[in-house]
Amino acid sequence: MAKKKYGRTDIARDELSPNTFYAVRHWASASAAEACQADPEVDALAARLYQIAKVTHVVNGVRRLASTDLAAAARRAREKAEARFSHFKVGAALETADGSVITGCNVENATYGLTICAERVAMFKAISEGHRAFTRIAIVADTPTLTPPCGACRQILWEFGGDLEVILSNLTSEHATHSLKTLLPLPFDARLL
């Protein structure tokens, strides 16, 4: 990062969890952050670092100034859900550290066991597009009681996103915000391996 004038990265160990490291990125500017996120050489080096040091969380000090309505993005994603069996449509919108928004919807299968939730679709799409750092996710379902992510989704979100901000909403714009740590208080992750 420093060589390309994007900024610098500091690695810090979590004093309460010695196997957890944080990569703290200090950007030269918002445009430098975006250029760095798109740089395949930096991405490859970061991926290697995460394997060596088992970095599980990334803290980015810059975000785009435009505020994104994640719940609205999740509502739009929900409309694309393939839920012909349960008719329970869910949409998710995952915000990356550089401010990009990756959406997902649930996709059902006749066996139900092969169904994949909106939250995991969004996370897997983001990872497949090269994103490795995330800030928050919004989840929308058409229910009077706000619907939190299932256990499998909580595990995937924790493993790839850390302590994300989780915004729960429905079609009437009711919403609540939680930290993933409150929804998954004792996670299984790389520090236990």
Protein backbone atom coordinates (compact mmCIF):
# COMPACT_ATOMS: atom_id res chain seq x y z
CA MET A 1 0.00 0.00 0.00
CA ALA A 2 2.76 2.46 0.91
CA LYS A 3 4.75 1.71 -2.26
CA LYS A 4 1.75 2.56 -4.41
CA LYS A 5 0.89 5.58 -2.22
CA TYR A 6 -2.52 4.17 -1.21
CA GLY A 7 -1.73 4.62 2.48
CA ARG A 8 -0.45 2.15 5.07
CA THR A 9 -1.61 -0.93 6.98
CA ASP A 10 -0.92 -1.65 10.63
CA ILE A 11 -1.46 -5.13 12.07
CA ALA A 12 -2.63 -5.21 15.69
CA ARG A 13 -3.18 -8.20 17.95
CA ASP A 14 -6.38 -8.36 20.02
CA GLU A 15 -5.21 -8.37 23.64
CA LEU A 16 -8.24 -10.38 24.77
CA SER A 17 -7.94 -12.94 21.99
CA PRO A 18 -4.27 -13.55 21.09
CA ASN A 19 -5.11 -15.47 17.92
CA THR A 20 -7.11 -12.56 16.50
CA PHE A 21 -5.40 -9.85 14.50
CA TYR A 22 -6.76 -6.66 13.02
CA ALA A 23 -5.51 -5.06 9.83
CA VAL A 24 -6.03 -1.31 10.24
CA ARG A 25 -5.83 0.56 6.96
CA HIS A 26 -4.96 4.25 6.91
CA TRP A 27 -5.83 5.62 3.47
CA ALA A 28 -4.17 8.58 1.75
CA SER A 29 -7.61 9.55 0.37
CA ALA A 30 -10.98 8.09 -0.55
CA SER A 31 -9.85 7.68 -4.17
CA ALA A 32 -6.69 5.88 -2.97
CA ALA A 33 -8.90 3.49 -0.98
CA GLU A 34 -10.99 2.72 -4.07
CA ALA A 35 -7.89 2.23 -6.24
CA CYS A 36 -6.39 -0.09 -3.64
CA GLN A 37 -9.59 -2.16 -3.41
CA ALA A 38 -9.43 -2.66 -7.20
CA ASP A 39 -5.70 -3.52 -7.27
CA PRO A 40 -5.20 -7.28 -7.82
CA GLU A 41 -1.60 -7.17 -6.52
CA VAL A 42 -2.70 -5.71 -3.18
CA ASP A 43 -5.59 -8.17 -3.02
CA ALA A 44 -3.23 -11.12 -3.54
CA LEU A 45 -0.86 -9.85 -0.84
CA ALA A 46 -3.74 -9.30 1.57
CA ALA A 47 -5.09 -12.80 0.94
CA ARG A 48 -1.66 -14.25 1.72
CA LEU A 49 -1.37 -12.15 4.88
CA TYR A 50 -4.75 -13.39 6.07
CA GLN A 51 -3.55 -16.98 5.66
CA ILE A 52 -0.24 -16.41 7.46
CA ALA A 53 -1.43 -14.21 10.31
CA LYS A 54 -5.04 -15.41 10.41
CA VAL A 55 -6.29 -11.84 10.22
CA THR A 56 -10.02 -12.09 10.80
CA HIS A 57 -11.10 -8.45 10.84
CA VAL A 58 -10.23 -5.45 8.69
CA VAL A 59 -10.83 -1.88 9.83
CA ASN A 60 -10.94 0.69 7.05
CA GLY A 61 -10.75 4.33 7.96
CA VAL A 62 -12.53 5.75 4.93
CA ARG A 63 -15.98 5.37 3.46
CA ARG A 64 -17.71 7.05 0.57
CA LEU A 65 -19.49 10.18 1.67
CA ALA A 66 -22.79 9.28 0.03
CA SER A 67 -25.01 7.47 2.48
CA THR A 68 -26.46 4.25 1.14
CA ASP A 69 -29.91 3.09 2.18
CA LEU A 70 -29.05 -0.57 2.63
CA ALA A 71 -32.59 -1.52 3.62
CA ALA A 72 -33.92 -0.11 0.33
CA ALA A 73 -31.29 -2.09 -1.58
CA ALA A 74 -32.30 -5.23 0.33
CA ARG A 75 -35.99 -4.60 -0.46
CA ARG A 76 -35.15 -4.40 -4.16
CA ALA A 77 -33.08 -7.60 -3.94
CA ARG A 78 -35.98 -9.36 -2.19
CA GLU A 79 -38.12 -8.92 -5.30
CA LYS A 80 -35.72 -11.21 -7.21
CA ALA A 81 -36.03 -14.07 -4.68
CA GLU A 82 -36.82 -17.54 -5.99
CA ALA A 83 -39.24 -18.72 -3.29
CA ARG A 84 -41.87 -20.68 -5.16
CA PHE A 85 -42.26 -23.26 -2.40
CA SER A 86 -42.32 -21.28 0.84
CA HIS A 87 -43.26 -17.88 -0.66
CA PHE A 88 -40.94 -16.44 2.02
CA LYS A 89 -38.88 -13.89 0.09
CA VAL A 90 -35.80 -12.37 1.72
CA GLY A 91 -33.38 -9.76 0.42
CA ALA A 92 -29.97 -8.77 1.75
CA ALA A 93 -27.62 -5.88 0.98
CA LEU A 94 -24.01 -6.13 2.15
CA GLU A 95 -21.86 -3.00 2.31
CA THR A 96 -18.16 -3.46 1.63
CA ALA A 97 -15.43 -1.40 3.29
CA ASP A 98 -15.07 0.74 0.16
CA GLY A 99 -18.80 1.55 0.17
CA SER A 100 -19.90 -0.86 -2.57
CA VAL A 101 -23.22 -2.63 -2.02
CA ILE A 102 -23.59 -6.30 -2.97
CA THR A 103 -27.11 -7.73 -2.86
CA GLY A 104 -28.53 -11.20 -2.54
CA CYS A 105 -31.89 -12.96 -2.38
CA ASN A 106 -32.92 -16.39 -1.18
CA VAL A 107 -32.99 -19.14 -3.79
CA GLU A 108 -35.12 -22.18 -2.94
CA ASN A 109 -34.99 -25.73 -4.16
CA ALA A 110 -37.70 -28.41 -4.08
CA THR A 111 -35.68 -30.37 -1.51
CA TYR A 112 -35.40 -27.26 0.74
CA GLY A 113 -32.02 -28.62 1.94
CA LEU A 114 -30.27 -27.05 -1.05
CA THR A 115 -31.89 -23.67 -0.48
CA ILE A 116 -29.50 -20.78 0.11
CA CYS A 117 -30.36 -17.69 2.13
CA ALA A 118 -30.11 -14.10 0.92
CA GLU A 119 -27.36 -13.25 3.40
CA ARG A 120 -25.06 -16.02 2.16
CA VAL A 121 -25.79 -15.19 -1.48
CA ALA A 122 -24.71 -11.58 -0.84
CA MET A 123 -21.56 -12.63 1.03
CA PHE A 124 -20.53 -15.24 -1.54
CA LYS A 125 -21.15 -12.79 -4.41
CA ALA A 126 -19.01 -10.19 -2.65
CA ILE A 127 -16.18 -12.63 -2.06
CA SER A 128 -16.35 -13.87 -5.66
CA GLU A 129 -16.01 -10.23 -6.80
CA GLY A 130 -12.85 -9.78 -4.72
CA HIS A 131 -14.19 -7.99 -1.64
CA ARG A 132 -12.66 -9.01 1.68
CA ALA A 133 -13.77 -6.30 4.13
CA PHE A 134 -17.34 -5.45 5.11
CA THR A 135 -19.08 -2.96 7.41
CA ARG A 136 -22.79 -3.79 7.57
CA ILE A 137 -25.63 -5.82 6.12
CA ALA A 138 -29.37 -5.16 5.81
CA ILE A 139 -31.89 -8.00 5.74
CA VAL A 140 -35.49 -7.52 4.63
CA ALA A 141 -38.45 -9.92 4.79
CA ASP A 142 -42.19 -9.34 4.57
CA THR A 143 -42.94 -10.13 8.22
CA PRO A 144 -44.43 -8.04 11.03
CA THR A 145 -41.65 -9.26 13.34
CA LEU A 146 -38.20 -8.42 11.99
CA THR A 147 -36.41 -11.54 10.74
CA PRO A 148 -32.81 -12.11 11.89
CA PRO A 149 -30.33 -14.26 9.95
CA CYS A 150 -30.45 -18.02 10.54
CA GLY A 151 -27.61 -19.79 12.35
CA ALA A 152 -25.78 -20.80 9.15
CA CYS A 153 -25.88 -17.21 7.90
CA ARG A 154 -24.66 -15.86 11.23
CA GLN A 155 -21.68 -18.21 11.03
CA ILE A 156 -20.79 -17.21 7.46
CA LEU A 157 -21.27 -13.50 8.17
CA TRP A 158 -19.02 -13.75 11.25
CA GLU A 159 -16.31 -15.73 9.52
CA PHE A 160 -16.04 -13.42 6.53
CA GLY A 161 -17.32 -10.13 7.95
CA GLY A 162 -16.51 -10.07 11.65
CA ASP A 163 -18.70 -8.03 13.96
CA LEU A 164 -20.87 -6.48 11.26
CA GLU A 165 -23.67 -4.05 11.91
CA VAL A 166 -26.87 -5.98 11.11
CA ILE A 167 -29.91 -3.95 10.04
CA LEU A 168 -33.21 -5.83 10.13
CA SER A 169 -36.17 -4.37 8.27
CA ASN A 170 -39.50 -5.25 6.69
CA LEU A 171 -41.65 -3.83 3.92
CA THR A 172 -43.23 -1.19 6.16
CA SER A 173 -39.80 0.32 6.92
CA GLU A 174 -39.66 -0.82 10.52
CA HIS A 175 -36.08 -1.54 11.43
CA ALA A 176 -33.68 -2.48 14.20
CA THR A 177 -29.90 -2.51 14.31
CA HIS A 178 -27.76 -5.11 16.07
CA SER A 179 -24.11 -6.04 16.12
CA LEU A 180 -23.40 -9.53 14.82
CA LYS A 181 -21.63 -10.27 18.12
CA THR A 182 -24.96 -9.87 19.95
CA LEU A 183 -26.66 -12.25 17.50
CA LEU A 184 -23.79 -14.78 17.67
CA PRO A 185 -22.23 -14.30 21.11
CA LEU A 186 -19.87 -17.28 21.10
CA PRO A 187 -18.82 -17.87 17.48
CA PHE A 188 -16.71 -20.70 16.14
CA ASP A 189 -13.91 -19.22 14.03
CA ALA A 190 -10.23 -19.48 13.10
CA ARG A 191 -9.06 -18.63 16.62
CA LEU A 192 -10.33 -22.06 17.76
CA LEU A 193 -8.39 -24.02 15.12
